[in-house]
Amino acid sequence: MDIEQEPSRIADVTVFRLKGPFTLTTMFAFQTTLRSPDVKGAIVDLSGVPYMDSAGLGVLLGQFAHSQRDGVKFGIAGISHRVHTIFEITHTDTILPIFSTVAEAEEKLA
């Protein structure tokens, strides 16, 4: 999985654009990047992710819990219909802050 990161229009928020399957075998690099001391808030763009398993979902849930504890901003954007299914099955789509696009996430989280 490729990970691109760029500053958001929101202060102290980084946009992560993931490309490729988000699975147990690809999650560790992203998880390490999220845990970097210079990363505070995060918007995770999944528009380039064709498939995600429960391990990928676990990374997102962990980051959401971290953001809640530390009072930083967090959002998920650009989920395809196929990937959204895992959120629906686990009912995490009602818990996690999910947005259609990164722009919408920035607007709502600002």
C-alpha atoms as a PDB file:
ATOM      1  CA  MET A   1       0.000   0.000   0.000  1.00  0.00           C
ATOM      2  CA  ASP A   2       1.267   3.478  -0.858  1.00  0.00           C
ATOM      3  CA  ILE A   3       0.878   6.225   1.738  1.00  0.00           C
ATOM      4  CA  GLU A   4       0.972   9.870   0.732  1.00  0.00           C
ATOM      5  CA  GLN A   5       0.676  12.571   3.336  1.00  0.00           C
ATOM      6  CA  GLU A   6       0.180  16.297   3.084  1.00  0.00           C
ATOM      7  CA  PRO A   7      -0.847  19.070   5.434  1.00  0.00           C
ATOM      8  CA  SER A   8      -4.550  19.751   5.649  1.00  0.00           C
ATOM      9  CA  ARG A   9      -6.110  23.190   5.395  1.00  0.00           C
ATOM     10  CA  ILE A  10      -6.864  22.661   9.099  1.00  0.00           C
ATOM     11  CA  ALA A  11      -4.041  23.408  11.536  1.00  0.00           C
ATOM     12  CA  ASP A  12      -2.420  20.344  13.134  1.00  0.00           C
ATOM     13  CA  VAL A  13      -4.182  17.915  10.755  1.00  0.00           C
ATOM     14  CA  THR A  14      -2.471  15.694   8.203  1.00  0.00           C
ATOM     15  CA  VAL A  15      -4.236  14.183   5.186  1.00  0.00           C
ATOM     16  CA  PHE A  16      -3.207  10.608   4.462  1.00  0.00           C
ATOM     17  CA  ARG A  17      -4.016   9.280   0.990  1.00  0.00           C
ATOM     18  CA  LEU A  18      -3.858   5.498   0.913  1.00  0.00           C
ATOM     19  CA  LYS A  19      -3.542   3.537  -2.340  1.00  0.00           C
ATOM     20  CA  GLY A  20      -3.842  -0.221  -2.498  1.00  0.00           C
ATOM     21  CA  PRO A  21      -5.364  -2.904  -0.278  1.00  0.00           C
ATOM     22  CA  PHE A  22      -5.520  -1.988   3.423  1.00  0.00           C
ATOM     23  CA  THR A  23      -4.988  -5.361   5.084  1.00  0.00           C
ATOM     24  CA  LEU A  24      -3.058  -7.131   7.817  1.00  0.00           C
ATOM     25  CA  THR A  25      -0.005  -7.328   5.573  1.00  0.00           C
ATOM     26  CA  THR A  26      -0.063  -3.614   4.643  1.00  0.00           C
ATOM     27  CA  MET A  27      -1.319  -1.945   7.811  1.00  0.00           C
ATOM     28  CA  PHE A  28       1.907  -1.798   9.827  1.00  0.00           C
ATOM     29  CA  ALA A  29       3.600   0.957   7.799  1.00  0.00           C
ATOM     30  CA  PHE A  30       0.502   3.130   8.038  1.00  0.00           C
ATOM     31  CA  GLN A  31       0.048   2.448  11.729  1.00  0.00           C
ATOM     32  CA  THR A  32       3.672   3.457  12.359  1.00  0.00           C
ATOM     33  CA  THR A  33       3.168   6.656  10.354  1.00  0.00           C
ATOM     34  CA  LEU A  34       0.023   7.538  12.331  1.00  0.00           C
ATOM     35  CA  ARG A  35       1.881   7.049  15.612  1.00  0.00           C
ATOM     36  CA  SER A  36       4.617   9.485  14.647  1.00  0.00           C
ATOM     37  CA  PRO A  37       4.988  12.206  17.310  1.00  0.00           C
ATOM     38  CA  ASP A  38       4.522  14.981  14.737  1.00  0.00           C
ATOM     39  CA  VAL A  39       1.104  13.632  13.640  1.00  0.00           C
ATOM     40  CA  LYS A  40      -1.733  15.098  15.636  1.00  0.00           C
ATOM     41  CA  GLY A  41      -5.069  15.149  13.807  1.00  0.00           C
ATOM     42  CA  ALA A  42      -5.676  13.038  10.710  1.00  0.00           C
ATOM     43  CA  ILE A  43      -7.964  12.728   7.732  1.00  0.00           C
ATOM     44  CA  VAL A  44      -7.589   9.342   6.056  1.00  0.00           C
ATOM     45  CA  ASP A  45      -8.511   9.324   2.364  1.00  0.00           C
ATOM     46  CA  LEU A  46      -9.511   5.793   1.367  1.00  0.00           C
ATOM     47  CA  SER A  47     -10.554   6.643  -2.204  1.00  0.00           C
ATOM     48  CA  GLY A  48      -7.556   4.665  -3.512  1.00  0.00           C
ATOM     49  CA  VAL A  49      -8.272   1.603  -1.361  1.00  0.00           C
ATOM     50  CA  PRO A  50     -10.072  -1.151  -3.298  1.00  0.00           C
ATOM     51  CA  TYR A  51     -10.239  -3.561  -0.355  1.00  0.00           C
ATOM     52  CA  MET A  52      -9.915  -3.392   3.427  1.00  0.00           C
ATOM     53  CA  ASP A  53     -10.025  -6.166   6.011  1.00  0.00           C
ATOM     54  CA  SER A  54     -10.690  -6.121   9.747  1.00  0.00           C
ATOM     55  CA  ALA A  55      -7.036  -5.311  10.508  1.00  0.00           C
ATOM     56  CA  GLY A  56      -7.311  -2.092   8.503  1.00  0.00           C
ATOM     57  CA  LEU A  57     -10.545  -1.277  10.281  1.00  0.00           C
ATOM     58  CA  GLY A  58      -8.786  -1.877  13.590  1.00  0.00           C
ATOM     59  CA  VAL A  59      -6.121   0.702  12.723  1.00  0.00           C
ATOM     60  CA  LEU A  60      -8.816   3.287  11.962  1.00  0.00           C
ATOM     61  CA  LEU A  61     -10.725   2.497  15.156  1.00  0.00           C
ATOM     62  CA  GLY A  62      -7.518   2.779  17.180  1.00  0.00           C
ATOM     63  CA  GLN A  63      -6.745   6.166  15.661  1.00  0.00           C
ATOM     64  CA  PHE A  64     -10.303   7.333  16.297  1.00  0.00           C
ATOM     65  CA  ALA A  65      -9.997   6.319  19.973  1.00  0.00           C
ATOM     66  CA  HIS A  66      -6.657   8.137  20.179  1.00  0.00           C
ATOM     67  CA  SER A  67      -8.206  11.282  18.683  1.00  0.00           C
ATOM     68  CA  GLN A  68     -11.051  11.158  21.189  1.00  0.00           C
ATOM     69  CA  ARG A  69      -8.657  10.795  24.150  1.00  0.00           C
ATOM     70  CA  ASP A  70      -6.311  13.535  22.957  1.00  0.00           C
ATOM     71  CA  GLY A  71      -8.967  15.932  21.645  1.00  0.00           C
ATOM     72  CA  VAL A  72      -7.577  16.046  18.093  1.00  0.00           C
ATOM     73  CA  LYS A  73      -9.473  15.952  14.821  1.00  0.00           C
ATOM     74  CA  PHE A  74     -10.027  12.703  12.883  1.00  0.00           C
ATOM     75  CA  GLY A  75     -12.020  11.797   9.812  1.00  0.00           C
ATOM     76  CA  ILE A  76     -12.249   9.193   7.087  1.00  0.00           C
ATOM     77  CA  ALA A  77     -13.000  10.220   3.508  1.00  0.00           C
ATOM     78  CA  GLY A  78     -13.565   8.752   0.067  1.00  0.00           C
ATOM     79  CA  ILE A  79     -14.754   5.268   0.990  1.00  0.00           C
ATOM     80  CA  SER A  80     -15.798   3.128  -1.965  1.00  0.00           C
ATOM     81  CA  HIS A  81     -19.028   1.146  -1.798  1.00  0.00           C
ATOM     82  CA  ARG A  82     -17.079  -2.113  -1.470  1.00  0.00           C
ATOM     83  CA  VAL A  83     -14.965  -0.830   1.431  1.00  0.00           C
ATOM     84  CA  HIS A  84     -17.997   0.793   3.076  1.00  0.00           C
ATOM     85  CA  THR A  85     -19.500  -2.682   3.441  1.00  0.00           C
ATOM     86  CA  ILE A  86     -17.055  -3.574   6.239  1.00  0.00           C
ATOM     87  CA  PHE A  87     -18.144  -0.439   8.118  1.00  0.00           C
ATOM     88  CA  GLU A  88     -21.815  -1.374   7.671  1.00  0.00           C
ATOM     89  CA  ILE A  89     -21.360  -5.001   8.736  1.00  0.00           C
ATOM     90  CA  THR A  90     -19.530  -3.948  11.904  1.00  0.00           C
ATOM     91  CA  HIS A  91     -21.840  -0.956  12.509  1.00  0.00           C
ATOM     92  CA  THR A  92     -18.795   1.279  12.812  1.00  0.00           C
ATOM     93  CA  ASP A  93     -20.271   3.546  10.130  1.00  0.00           C
ATOM     94  CA  THR A  94     -22.476   4.952  12.890  1.00  0.00           C
ATOM     95  CA  ILE A  95     -19.489   5.666  15.158  1.00  0.00           C
ATOM     96  CA  LEU A  96     -16.655   6.819  12.924  1.00  0.00           C
ATOM     97  CA  PRO A  97     -16.642  10.291  11.331  1.00  0.00           C
ATOM     98  CA  ILE A  98     -17.022   9.393   7.628  1.00  0.00           C
ATOM     99  CA  PHE A  99     -17.130  12.003   4.852  1.00  0.00           C
ATOM    100  CA  SER A 100     -17.559  11.784   1.093  1.00  0.00           C
ATOM    101  CA  THR A 101     -14.407  13.751   0.279  1.00  0.00           C
ATOM    102  CA  VAL A 102     -11.366  15.220   1.971  1.00  0.00           C
ATOM    103  CA  ALA A 103     -12.753  18.695   1.252  1.00  0.00           C
ATOM    104  CA  GLU A 104     -15.982  17.844   3.079  1.00  0.00           C
ATOM    105  CA  ALA A 105     -14.019  16.419   6.012  1.00  0.00           C
ATOM    106  CA  GLU A 106     -11.921  19.585   6.243  1.00  0.00           C
ATOM    107  CA  GLU A 107     -15.043  21.745   6.110  1.00  0.00           C
ATOM    108  CA  LYS A 108     -16.893  19.800   8.823  1.00  0.00           C
ATOM    109  CA  LEU A 109     -13.879  19.312  11.110  1.00  0.00           C
ATOM    110  CA  ALA A 110     -12.630  22.909  10.894  1.00  0.00           C
END
